[in-house]
PDB file of all heavy atoms in Angstrom:
ATOM      1  N   LEU A   1      43.310  19.814  -4.196  1.00  0.00           N
ATOM      2  CA  LEU A   1      43.560  19.118  -5.443  1.00  0.00           C
ATOM      3  C   LEU A   1      44.677  19.733  -6.255  1.00  0.00           C
ATOM      4  O   LEU A   1      45.398  18.979  -6.959  1.00  0.00           O
ATOM      5  CB  LEU A   1      42.286  19.037  -6.264  1.00  0.00           C
ATOM      6  CG  LEU A   1      41.193  18.146  -5.699  1.00  0.00           C
ATOM      7  CD1 LEU A   1      39.884  18.332  -6.493  1.00  0.00           C
ATOM      8  CD2 LEU A   1      41.641  16.713  -5.688  1.00  0.00           C
ATOM      9  N   ALA A   2      44.842  21.021  -6.165  1.00  0.00           N
ATOM     10  CA  ALA A   2      45.870  21.725  -6.961  1.00  0.00           C
ATOM     11  C   ALA A   2      47.267  21.164  -6.619  1.00  0.00           C
ATOM     12  O   ALA A   2      48.141  21.071  -7.508  1.00  0.00           O
ATOM     13  CB  ALA A   2      45.861  23.234  -6.712  1.00  0.00           C
ATOM     14  N   GLY A   3      47.487  20.731  -5.390  1.00  0.00           N
ATOM     15  CA  GLY A   3      48.779  20.174  -5.027  1.00  0.00           C
ATOM     16  C   GLY A   3      48.973  18.749  -5.495  1.00  0.00           C
ATOM     17  O   GLY A   3      50.009  18.119  -5.208  1.00  0.00           O
ATOM     18  N   GLN A   4      47.965  18.170  -6.159  1.00  0.00           N
ATOM     19  CA  GLN A   4      48.054  16.802  -6.577  1.00  0.00           C
ATOM     20  C   GLN A   4      48.161  16.651  -8.124  1.00  0.00           C
ATOM     21  O   GLN A   4      48.064  15.590  -8.700  1.00  0.00           O
ATOM     22  CB  GLN A   4      46.801  16.019  -6.118  1.00  0.00           C
ATOM     23  CG  GLN A   4      46.717  15.956  -4.629  1.00  0.00           C
ATOM     24  CD  GLN A   4      45.548  15.151  -4.168  1.00  0.00           C
ATOM     25  OE1 GLN A   4      45.106  14.223  -4.810  1.00  0.00           O
ATOM     26  NE2 GLN A   4      45.006  15.516  -3.020  1.00  0.00           N
ATOM     27  N   GLU A   5      48.380  17.764  -8.789  1.00  0.00           N
ATOM     28  CA  GLU A   5      48.569  17.756 -10.242  1.00  0.00           C
ATOM     29  C   GLU A   5      49.960  17.291 -10.569  1.00  0.00           C
ATOM     30  O   GLU A   5      50.899  17.523  -9.840  1.00  0.00           O
ATOM     31  CB  GLU A   5      48.326  19.112 -10.849  1.00  0.00           C
ATOM     32  CG  GLU A   5      46.894  19.559 -10.675  1.00  0.00           C
ATOM     33  CD  GLU A   5      46.671  20.943 -11.267  1.00  0.00           C
ATOM     34  OE1 GLU A   5      46.397  21.008 -12.490  1.00  0.00           O
ATOM     35  OE2 GLU A   5      46.746  21.933 -10.531  1.00  0.00           O
ATOM     36  N   PRO A   6      50.158  16.633 -11.688  1.00  0.00           N
ATOM     37  CA  PRO A   6      49.174  16.253 -12.713  1.00  0.00           C
ATOM     38  C   PRO A   6      48.380  15.010 -12.252  1.00  0.00           C
ATOM     39  O   PRO A   6      48.833  14.254 -11.420  1.00  0.00           O
ATOM     40  CB  PRO A   6      50.018  15.914 -13.925  1.00  0.00           C
ATOM     41  CG  PRO A   6      51.329  15.404 -13.351  1.00  0.00           C
ATOM     42  CD  PRO A   6      51.511  16.198 -12.088  1.00  0.00           C
ATOM     43  N   PHE A   7      47.199  14.907 -12.874  1.00  0.00           N
ATOM     44  CA  PHE A   7      46.318  13.763 -12.592  1.00  0.00           C
ATOM     45  C   PHE A   7      46.587  12.679 -13.665  1.00  0.00           C
ATOM     46  O   PHE A   7      46.912  13.001 -14.796  1.00  0.00           O
ATOM     47  CB  PHE A   7      44.860  14.142 -12.588  1.00  0.00           C
ATOM     48  CG  PHE A   7      44.584  15.221 -11.533  1.00  0.00           C
ATOM     49  CD1 PHE A   7      44.379  16.565 -11.904  1.00  0.00           C
ATOM     50  CD2 PHE A   7      44.546  14.889 -10.200  1.00  0.00           C
ATOM     51  CE1 PHE A   7      44.154  17.520 -10.967  1.00  0.00           C
ATOM     52  CE2 PHE A   7      44.305  15.868  -9.202  1.00  0.00           C
ATOM     53  CZ  PHE A   7      44.166  17.193  -9.597  1.00  0.00           C
ATOM     54  N   GLU A   8      46.419  11.438 -13.276  1.00  0.00           N
ATOM     55  CA  GLU A   8      46.717  10.342 -14.159  1.00  0.00           C
ATOM     56  C   GLU A   8      45.433   9.459 -14.247  1.00  0.00           C
ATOM     57  O   GLU A   8      44.800   9.226 -13.242  1.00  0.00           O
ATOM     58  CB  GLU A   8      47.849   9.551 -13.613  1.00  0.00           C
ATOM     59  CG  GLU A   8      48.274   8.361 -14.434  1.00  0.00           C
ATOM     60  CD  GLU A   8      49.447   7.617 -13.853  1.00  0.00           C
ATOM     61  OE1 GLU A   8      49.755   7.771 -12.653  1.00  0.00           O
ATOM     62  OE2 GLU A   8      50.061   6.885 -14.597  1.00  0.00           O
ATOM     63  N   ALA A   9      45.169   8.957 -15.432  1.00  0.00           N
ATOM     64  CA  ALA A   9      44.069   8.013 -15.634  1.00  0.00           C
ATOM     65  C   ALA A   9      44.617   6.755 -16.322  1.00  0.00           C
ATOM     66  O   ALA A   9      45.320   6.828 -17.334  1.00  0.00           O
ATOM     67  CB  ALA A   9      42.968   8.621 -16.514  1.00  0.00           C
ATOM     68  N   ILE A  10      44.321   5.627 -15.680  1.00  0.00           N
ATOM     69  CA  ILE A  10      44.856   4.344 -16.199  1.00  0.00           C
ATOM     70  C   ILE A  10      43.642   3.474 -16.520  1.00  0.00           C
ATOM     71  O   ILE A  10      42.774   3.254 -15.673  1.00  0.00           O
ATOM     72  CB  ILE A  10      45.692   3.665 -15.078  1.00  0.00           C
ATOM     73  CG1 ILE A  10      46.871   4.566 -14.683  1.00  0.00           C
ATOM     74  CG2 ILE A  10      46.215   2.293 -15.561  1.00  0.00           C
ATOM     75  CD1 ILE A  10      47.518   4.155 -13.396  1.00  0.00           C
ATOM     76  N   ARG A  11      43.630   2.958 -17.717  1.00  0.00           N
ATOM     77  CA  ARG A  11      42.552   2.066 -18.165  1.00  0.00           C
ATOM     78  C   ARG A  11      42.878   0.637 -17.758  1.00  0.00           C
ATOM     79  O   ARG A  11      43.978   0.134 -17.957  1.00  0.00           O
ATOM     80  CB  ARG A  11      42.388   2.121 -19.685  1.00  0.00           C
ATOM     81  CG  ARG A  11      41.320   1.254 -20.313  1.00  0.00           C
ATOM     82  CD  ARG A  11      39.946   1.855 -20.045  1.00  0.00           C
ATOM     83  NE  ARG A  11      38.890   1.015 -20.539  1.00  0.00           N
ATOM     84  CZ  ARG A  11      38.129   1.267 -21.583  1.00  0.00           C
ATOM     85  NH1 ARG A  11      38.288   2.399 -22.266  1.00  0.00           N
ATOM     86  NH2 ARG A  11      37.168   0.476 -21.952  1.00  0.00           N
ATOM     87  N   HIS A  12      41.892  -0.019 -17.136  1.00  0.00           N
ATOM     88  CA  HIS A  12      42.052  -1.458 -16.738  1.00  0.00           C
ATOM     89  C   HIS A  12      40.740  -2.133 -17.101  1.00  0.00           C
ATOM     90  O   HIS A  12      39.745  -1.977 -16.384  1.00  0.00           O
ATOM     91  CB  HIS A  12      42.372  -1.555 -15.292  1.00  0.00           C
ATOM     92  CG  HIS A  12      42.628  -2.984 -14.824  1.00  0.00           C
ATOM     93  ND1 HIS A  12      43.824  -3.613 -15.081  1.00  0.00           N
ATOM     94  CD2 HIS A  12      41.853  -3.870 -14.215  1.00  0.00           C
ATOM     95  CE1 HIS A  12      43.787  -4.812 -14.607  1.00  0.00           C
ATOM     96  NE2 HIS A  12      42.585  -5.036 -14.088  1.00  0.00           N
ATOM     97  N   GLY A  13      40.731  -2.833 -18.222  1.00  0.00           N
ATOM     98  CA  GLY A  13      39.497  -3.467 -18.669  1.00  0.00           C
ATOM     99  C   GLY A  13      38.443  -2.436 -18.931  1.00  0.00           C
ATOM    100  O   GLY A  13      38.674  -1.470 -19.721  1.00  0.00           O
ATOM    101  N   GLU A  14      37.297  -2.559 -18.319  1.00  0.00           N
ATOM    102  CA  GLU A  14      36.201  -1.607 -18.552  1.00  0.00           C
ATOM    103  C   GLU A  14      36.178  -0.469 -17.561  1.00  0.00           C
ATOM    104  O   GLU A  14      35.204   0.268 -17.506  1.00  0.00           O
ATOM    105  CB  GLU A  14      34.840  -2.351 -18.508  1.00  0.00           C
ATOM    106  CG  GLU A  14      34.435  -2.840 -17.152  1.00  0.00           C
ATOM    107  CD  GLU A  14      32.989  -3.367 -17.098  1.00  0.00           C
ATOM    108  OE1 GLU A  14      32.050  -2.569 -17.195  1.00  0.00           O
ATOM    109  OE2 GLU A  14      32.825  -4.592 -17.024  1.00  0.00           O
ATOM    110  N   PHE A  15      37.249  -0.282 -16.869  1.00  0.00           N
ATOM    111  CA  PHE A  15      37.327   0.805 -15.823  1.00  0.00           C
ATOM    112  C   PHE A  15      38.482   1.721 -16.046  1.00  0.00           C
ATOM    113  O   PHE A  15      39.511   1.368 -16.651  1.00  0.00           O
ATOM    114  CB  PHE A  15      37.497   0.114 -14.449  1.00  0.00           C
ATOM    115  CG  PHE A  15      36.416  -0.846 -14.094  1.00  0.00           C
ATOM    116  CD1 PHE A  15      36.626  -2.214 -14.235  1.00  0.00           C
ATOM    117  CD2 PHE A  15      35.148  -0.423 -13.710  1.00  0.00           C
ATOM    118  CE1 PHE A  15      35.634  -3.113 -13.973  1.00  0.00           C
ATOM    119  CE2 PHE A  15      34.171  -1.321 -13.428  1.00  0.00           C
ATOM    120  CZ  PHE A  15      34.380  -2.660 -13.548  1.00  0.00           C
ATOM    121  N   TRP A  16      38.287   2.943 -15.562  1.00  0.00           N
ATOM    122  CA  TRP A  16      39.337   3.934 -15.481  1.00  0.00           C
ATOM    123  C   TRP A  16      39.638   4.173 -14.013  1.00  0.00           C
ATOM    124  O   TRP A  16      38.738   4.376 -13.168  1.00  0.00           O
ATOM    125  CB  TRP A  16      38.896   5.290 -16.071  1.00  0.00           C
ATOM    126  CG  TRP A  16      38.868   5.298 -17.550  1.00  0.00           C
ATOM    127  CD1 TRP A  16      37.760   5.154 -18.370  1.00  0.00           C
ATOM    128  CD2 TRP A  16      39.961   5.468 -18.451  1.00  0.00           C
ATOM    129  NE1 TRP A  16      38.129   5.226 -19.682  1.00  0.00           N
ATOM    130  CE2 TRP A  16      39.490   5.447 -19.748  1.00  0.00           C
ATOM    131  CE3 TRP A  16      41.342   5.654 -18.210  1.00  0.00           C
ATOM    132  CZ2 TRP A  16      40.310   5.606 -20.865  1.00  0.00           C
ATOM    133  CZ3 TRP A  16      42.167   5.830 -19.336  1.00  0.00           C
ATOM    134  CH2 TRP A  16      41.624   5.783 -20.633  1.00  0.00           C
ATOM    135  N   PHE A  17      40.902   4.120 -13.650  1.00  0.00           N
ATOM    136  CA  PHE A  17      41.362   4.477 -12.278  1.00  0.00           C
ATOM    137  C   PHE A  17      42.047   5.793 -12.454  1.00  0.00           C
ATOM    138  O   PHE A  17      43.012   5.958 -13.227  1.00  0.00           O
ATOM    139  CB  PHE A  17      42.352   3.464 -11.733  1.00  0.00           C
ATOM    140  CG  PHE A  17      42.967   3.852 -10.420  1.00  0.00           C
ATOM    141  CD1 PHE A  17      42.220   3.839  -9.253  1.00  0.00           C
ATOM    142  CD2 PHE A  17      44.302   4.295 -10.384  1.00  0.00           C
ATOM    143  CE1 PHE A  17      42.749   4.273  -8.072  1.00  0.00           C
ATOM    144  CE2 PHE A  17      44.829   4.723  -9.183  1.00  0.00           C
ATOM    145  CZ  PHE A  17      44.077   4.691  -8.039  1.00  0.00           C
ATOM    146  N   VAL A  18      41.564   6.804 -11.747  1.00  0.00           N
ATOM    147  CA  VAL A  18      42.101   8.176 -11.860  1.00  0.00           C
ATOM    148  C   VAL A  18      42.678   8.572 -10.504  1.00  0.00           C
ATOM    149  O   VAL A  18      42.045   8.345  -9.477  1.00  0.00           O
ATOM    150  CB  VAL A  18      41.007   9.194 -12.288  1.00  0.00           C
ATOM    151  CG1 VAL A  18      41.607  10.568 -12.501  1.00  0.00           C
ATOM    152  CG2 VAL A  18      40.287   8.671 -13.515  1.00  0.00           C
ATOM    153  N   CYS A  19      43.856   9.169 -10.534  1.00  0.00           N
ATOM    154  CA  CYS A  19      44.468   9.556  -9.246  1.00  0.00           C
ATOM    155  C   CYS A  19      45.375  10.801  -9.449  1.00  0.00           C
ATOM    156  O   CYS A  19      45.740  11.111 -10.574  1.00  0.00           O
ATOM    157  CB  CYS A  19      45.311   8.413  -8.645  1.00  0.00           C
ATOM    158  SG  CYS A  19      46.664   7.907  -9.654  1.00  0.00           S
ATOM    159  N   GLY A  20      45.643  11.452  -8.357  1.00  0.00           N
ATOM    160  CA  GLY A  20      46.587  12.570  -8.373  1.00  0.00           C
ATOM    161  C   GLY A  20      48.001  12.085  -8.184  1.00  0.00           C
ATOM    162  O   GLY A  20      48.233  10.861  -8.044  1.00  0.00           O
ATOM    163  N   THR A  21      48.938  13.019  -8.189  1.00  0.00           N
ATOM    164  CA  THR A  21      50.326  12.655  -7.901  1.00  0.00           C
ATOM    165  C   THR A  21      50.879  13.586  -6.846  1.00  0.00           C
ATOM    166  O   THR A  21      50.362  14.728  -6.672  1.00  0.00           O
ATOM    167  CB  THR A  21      51.221  12.770  -9.154  1.00  0.00           C
ATOM    168  OG1 THR A  21      51.126  14.086  -9.678  1.00  0.00           O
ATOM    169  CG2 THR A  21      50.748  11.785 -10.249  1.00  0.00           C
ATOM    170  N   LEU A  22      51.874  13.168  -6.155  1.00  0.00           N
ATOM    171  CA  LEU A  22      52.552  14.010  -5.146  1.00  0.00           C
ATOM    172  C   LEU A  22      53.965  14.298  -5.634  1.00  0.00           C
ATOM    173  O   LEU A  22      54.591  13.471  -6.323  1.00  0.00           O
ATOM    174  CB  LEU A  22      52.608  13.277  -3.821  1.00  0.00           C
ATOM    175  CG  LEU A  22      51.303  13.114  -3.038  1.00  0.00           C
ATOM    176  CD1 LEU A  22      51.501  12.322  -1.763  1.00  0.00           C
ATOM    177  CD2 LEU A  22      50.706  14.496  -2.695  1.00  0.00           C
ATOM    178  N   PRO A  23      54.502  15.438  -5.228  1.00  0.00           N
ATOM    179  CA  PRO A  23      55.891  15.763  -5.534  1.00  0.00           C
ATOM    180  C   PRO A  23      56.812  14.649  -5.000  1.00  0.00           C
ATOM    181  O   PRO A  23      56.489  13.997  -3.994  1.00  0.00           O
ATOM    182  CB  PRO A  23      56.142  17.094  -4.879  1.00  0.00           C
ATOM    183  CG  PRO A  23      54.801  17.690  -4.693  1.00  0.00           C
ATOM    184  CD  PRO A  23      53.883  16.516  -4.481  1.00  0.00           C
ATOM    185  N   PRO A  24      57.991  14.479  -5.602  1.00  0.00           N
ATOM    186  CA  PRO A  24      58.938  13.471  -5.106  1.00  0.00           C
ATOM    187  C   PRO A  24      59.267  13.672  -3.610  1.00  0.00           C
ATOM    188  O   PRO A  24      59.369  14.804  -3.146  1.00  0.00           O
ATOM    189  CB  PRO A  24      60.209  13.735  -5.912  1.00  0.00           C
ATOM    190  CG  PRO A  24      59.714  14.405  -7.183  1.00  0.00           C
ATOM    191  CD  PRO A  24      58.503  15.192  -6.744  1.00  0.00           C
ATOM    192  N   ARG A  25      59.355  12.574  -2.900  1.00  0.00           N
ATOM    193  CA  ARG A  25      59.702  12.518  -1.473  1.00  0.00           C
ATOM    194  C   ARG A  25      58.627  13.082  -0.557  1.00  0.00           C
ATOM    195  O   ARG A  25      58.901  13.249   0.629  1.00  0.00           O
ATOM    196  CB  ARG A  25      61.073  13.163  -1.217  1.00  0.00           C
ATOM    197  CG  ARG A  25      62.207  12.396  -1.894  1.00  0.00           C
ATOM    198  CD  ARG A  25      63.549  12.947  -1.545  1.00  0.00           C
ATOM    199  NE  ARG A  25      63.765  14.348  -2.041  1.00  0.00           N
ATOM    200  CZ  ARG A  25      64.107  14.631  -3.260  1.00  0.00           C
ATOM    201  NH1 ARG A  25      64.281  13.735  -4.168  1.00  0.00           N
ATOM    202  NH2 ARG A  25      64.271  15.913  -3.624  1.00  0.00           N
ATOM    203  N   TRP A  26      57.441  13.410  -1.054  1.00  0.00           N
ATOM    204  CA  TRP A  26      56.376  13.856  -0.219  1.00  0.00           C
ATOM    205  C   TRP A  26      55.630  12.634   0.312  1.00  0.00           C
ATOM    206  O   TRP A  26      55.466  11.645  -0.399  1.00  0.00           O
ATOM    207  CB  TRP A  26      55.406  14.757  -0.989  1.00  0.00           C
ATOM    208  CG  TRP A  26      55.809  16.195  -1.100  1.00  0.00           C
ATOM    209  CD1 TRP A  26      57.066  16.635  -1.372  1.00  0.00           C
ATOM    210  CD2 TRP A  26      54.963  17.296  -0.927  1.00  0.00           C
ATOM    211  NE1 TRP A  26      57.053  17.978  -1.442  1.00  0.00           N
ATOM    212  CE2 TRP A  26      55.781  18.432  -1.145  1.00  0.00           C
ATOM    213  CE3 TRP A  26      53.649  17.508  -0.627  1.00  0.00           C
ATOM    214  CZ2 TRP A  26      55.279  19.733  -1.075  1.00  0.00           C
ATOM    215  CZ3 TRP A  26      53.131  18.782  -0.593  1.00  0.00           C
ATOM    216  CH2 TRP A  26      53.990  19.876  -0.759  1.00  0.00           C
ATOM    217  N   LEU A  27      55.188  12.708   1.538  1.00  0.00           N
ATOM    218  CA  LEU A  27      54.409  11.675   2.132  1.00  0.00           C
ATOM    219  C   LEU A  27      52.930  12.037   2.084  1.00  0.00           C
ATOM    220  O   LEU A  27      52.597  13.214   2.171  1.00  0.00           O
ATOM    221  CB  LEU A  27      54.831  11.386   3.562  1.00  0.00           C
ATOM    222  CG  LEU A  27      56.274  10.961   3.773  1.00  0.00           C
ATOM    223  CD1 LEU A  27      56.595  10.839   5.248  1.00  0.00           C
ATOM    224  CD2 LEU A  27      56.527   9.627   3.059  1.00  0.00           C
ATOM    225  N   GLY A  28      52.063  11.074   2.021  1.00  0.00           N
ATOM    226  CA  GLY A  28      50.648  11.343   2.032  1.00  0.00           C
ATOM    227  C   GLY A  28      49.953  10.632   0.910  1.00  0.00           C
ATOM    228  O   GLY A  28      50.560   9.836   0.190  1.00  0.00           O
ATOM    229  N   GLY A  29      48.669  10.896   0.783  1.00  0.00           N
ATOM    230  CA  GLY A  29      47.890  10.218  -0.230  1.00  0.00           C
ATOM    231  C   GLY A  29      47.342  11.206  -1.247  1.00  0.00           C
ATOM    232  O   GLY A  29      47.480  12.433  -1.095  1.00  0.00           O
ATOM    233  N   VAL A  30      46.684  10.661  -2.241  1.00  0.00           N
ATOM    234  CA  VAL A  30      46.074  11.463  -3.307  1.00  0.00           C
ATOM    235  C   VAL A  30      44.658  11.056  -3.521  1.00  0.00           C
ATOM    236  O   VAL A  30      44.215   9.975  -3.147  1.00  0.00           O
ATOM    237  CB  VAL A  30      46.877  11.321  -4.619  1.00  0.00           C
ATOM    238  CG1 VAL A  30      48.291  11.914  -4.472  1.00  0.00           C
ATOM    239  CG2 VAL A  30      46.956   9.887  -5.051  1.00  0.00           C
ATOM    240  N   ALA A  31      43.898  11.933  -4.164  1.00  0.00           N
ATOM    241  CA  ALA A  31      42.527  11.633  -4.512  1.00  0.00           C
ATOM    242  C   ALA A  31      42.535  10.480  -5.536  1.00  0.00           C
ATOM    243  O   ALA A  31      43.403  10.382  -6.414  1.00  0.00           O
ATOM    244  CB  ALA A  31      41.831  12.833  -5.122  1.00  0.00           C
ATOM    245  N   GLU A  32      41.533   9.604  -5.415  1.00  0.00           N
ATOM    246  CA  GLU A  32      41.395   8.437  -6.298  1.00  0.00           C
ATOM    247  C   GLU A  32      39.935   8.298  -6.686  1.00  0.00           C
ATOM    248  O   GLU A  32      39.022   8.621  -5.902  1.00  0.00           O
ATOM    249  CB  GLU A  32      41.857   7.167  -5.591  1.00  0.00           C
ATOM    250  CG  GLU A  32      43.245   7.213  -5.076  1.00  0.00           C
ATOM    251  CD  GLU A  32      43.607   6.022  -4.193  1.00  0.00           C
ATOM    252  OE1 GLU A  32      42.696   5.370  -3.644  1.00  0.00           O
ATOM    253  OE2 GLU A  32      44.811   5.790  -4.032  1.00  0.00           O
ATOM    254  N   ALA A  33      39.724   7.805  -7.931  1.00  0.00           N
ATOM    255  CA  ALA A  33      38.350   7.546  -8.395  1.00  0.00           C
ATOM    256  C   ALA A  33      38.407   6.349  -9.311  1.00  0.00           C
ATOM    257  O   ALA A  33      39.356   6.164 -10.088  1.00  0.00           O
ATOM    258  CB  ALA A  33      37.814   8.764  -9.127  1.00  0.00           C
ATOM    259  N   LEU A  34      37.332   5.552  -9.260  1.00  0.00           N
ATOM    260  CA  LEU A  34      37.145   4.455 -10.175  1.00  0.00           C
ATOM    261  C   LEU A  34      35.862   4.730 -10.976  1.00  0.00           C
ATOM    262  O   LEU A  34      34.802   4.933 -10.409  1.00  0.00           O
ATOM    263  CB  LEU A  34      36.989   3.156  -9.397  1.00  0.00           C
ATOM    264  CG  LEU A  34      36.909   1.861 -10.248  1.00  0.00           C
ATOM    265  CD1 LEU A  34      38.181   1.676 -11.011  1.00  0.00           C
ATOM    266  CD2 LEU A  34      36.607   0.670  -9.349  1.00  0.00           C
ATOM    267  N   ILE A  35      36.023   4.705 -12.317  1.00  0.00           N
ATOM    268  CA  ILE A  35      34.942   5.134 -13.188  1.00  0.00           C
ATOM    269  C   ILE A  35      34.706   4.023 -14.236  1.00  0.00           C
ATOM    270  O   ILE A  35      35.644   3.527 -14.826  1.00  0.00           O
ATOM    271  CB  ILE A  35      35.300   6.450 -13.910  1.00  0.00           C
ATOM    272  CG1 ILE A  35      35.541   7.527 -12.863  1.00  0.00           C
ATOM    273  CG2 ILE A  35      34.241   6.883 -14.913  1.00  0.00           C
ATOM    274  CD1 ILE A  35      36.218   8.768 -13.381  1.00  0.00           C
ATOM    275  N   ARG A  36      33.440   3.700 -14.499  1.00  0.00           N
ATOM    276  CA  ARG A  36      33.105   2.701 -15.531  1.00  0.00           C
ATOM    277  C   ARG A  36      33.162   3.405 -16.882  1.00  0.00           C
ATOM    278  O   ARG A  36      32.511   4.431 -17.110  1.00  0.00           O
ATOM    279  CB  ARG A  36      31.729   2.163 -15.301  1.00  0.00           C
ATOM    280  CG  ARG A  36      31.375   0.968 -16.197  1.00  0.00           C
ATOM    281  CD  ARG A  36      29.997   0.422 -15.964  1.00  0.00           C
ATOM    282  NE  ARG A  36      29.702   0.091 -14.569  1.00  0.00           N
ATOM    283  CZ  ARG A  36      30.018  -1.044 -13.976  1.00  0.00           C
ATOM    284  NH1 ARG A  36      30.669  -1.979 -14.646  1.00  0.00           N
ATOM    285  NH2 ARG A  36      29.686  -1.266 -12.718  1.00  0.00           N
ATOM    286  N   ALA A  37      33.928   2.849 -17.809  1.00  0.00           N
ATOM    287  CA  ALA A  37      34.152   3.456 -19.126  1.00  0.00           C
ATOM    288  C   ALA A  37      32.879   3.484 -19.968  1.00  0.00           C
ATOM    289  O   ALA A  37      32.637   4.441 -20.690  1.00  0.00           O
ATOM    290  CB  ALA A  37      35.247   2.728 -19.899  1.00  0.00           C
ATOM    291  N   SER A  38      32.063   2.449 -19.856  1.00  0.00           N
ATOM    292  CA  SER A  38      30.893   2.342 -20.742  1.00  0.00           C
ATOM    293  C   SER A  38      29.873   3.469 -20.518  1.00  0.00           C
ATOM    294  O   SER A  38      29.234   3.964 -21.469  1.00  0.00           O
ATOM    295  CB  SER A  38      30.206   0.999 -20.582  1.00  0.00           C
ATOM    296  OG  SER A  38      29.745   0.825 -19.252  1.00  0.00           O
ATOM    297  N   ASN A  39      29.675   3.882 -19.248  1.00  0.00           N
ATOM    298  CA  ASN A  39      28.611   4.851 -18.952  1.00  0.00           C
ATOM    299  C   ASN A  39      29.009   6.016 -18.058  1.00  0.00           C
ATOM    300  O   ASN A  39      28.187   6.895 -17.756  1.00  0.00           O
ATOM    301  CB  ASN A  39      27.401   4.167 -18.352  1.00  0.00           C
ATOM    302  CG  ASN A  39      27.740   3.471 -17.031  1.00  0.00           C
ATOM    303  OD1 ASN A  39      28.793   3.690 -16.441  1.00  0.00           O
ATOM    304  ND2 ASN A  39      26.761   2.695 -16.529  1.00  0.00           N
ATOM    305  N   GLY A  40      30.265   6.072 -17.635  1.00  0.00           N
ATOM    306  CA  GLY A  40      30.733   7.190 -16.807  1.00  0.00           C
ATOM    307  C   GLY A  40      30.366   7.094 -15.328  1.00  0.00           C
ATOM    308  O   GLY A  40      30.572   8.055 -14.588  1.00  0.00           O
ATOM    309  N   GLU A  41      29.793   5.983 -14.934  1.00  0.00           N
ATOM    310  CA  GLU A  41      29.421   5.806 -13.533  1.00  0.00           C
ATOM    311  C   GLU A  41      30.608   5.836 -12.634  1.00  0.00           C
ATOM    312  O   GLU A  41      31.624   5.138 -12.839  1.00  0.00           O
ATOM    313  CB  GLU A  41      28.715   4.467 -13.352  1.00  0.00           C
ATOM    314  CG  GLU A  41      28.299   4.191 -11.928  1.00  0.00           C
ATOM    315  CD  GLU A  41      27.680   2.780 -11.754  1.00  0.00           C
ATOM    316  OE1 GLU A  41      27.744   1.984 -12.677  1.00  0.00           O
ATOM    317  OE2 GLU A  41      27.147   2.546 -10.667  1.00  0.00           O
ATOM    318  N   VAL A  42      30.562   6.725 -11.624  1.00  0.00           N
ATOM    319  CA  VAL A  42      31.644   6.798 -10.639  1.00  0.00           C
ATOM    320  C   VAL A  42      31.349   5.762  -9.584  1.00  0.00           C
ATOM    321  O   VAL A  42      30.386   5.836  -8.845  1.00  0.00           O
ATOM    322  CB  VAL A  42      31.742   8.213 -10.023  1.00  0.00           C
ATOM    323  CG1 VAL A  42      32.816   8.299  -8.991  1.00  0.00           C
ATOM    324  CG2 VAL A  42      31.943   9.253 -11.108  1.00  0.00           C
TER     325      VAL A  42
END
């Protein structure tokens, strides 16, 4: 996870989409999570 900082959280309606970032020109994926804003349910 340390290699995916900074983390970003985007609000979409009643949900938060949270993801990591990769350095420019790096290939691969990042951790992702979808969280309900009202109660914190992952």
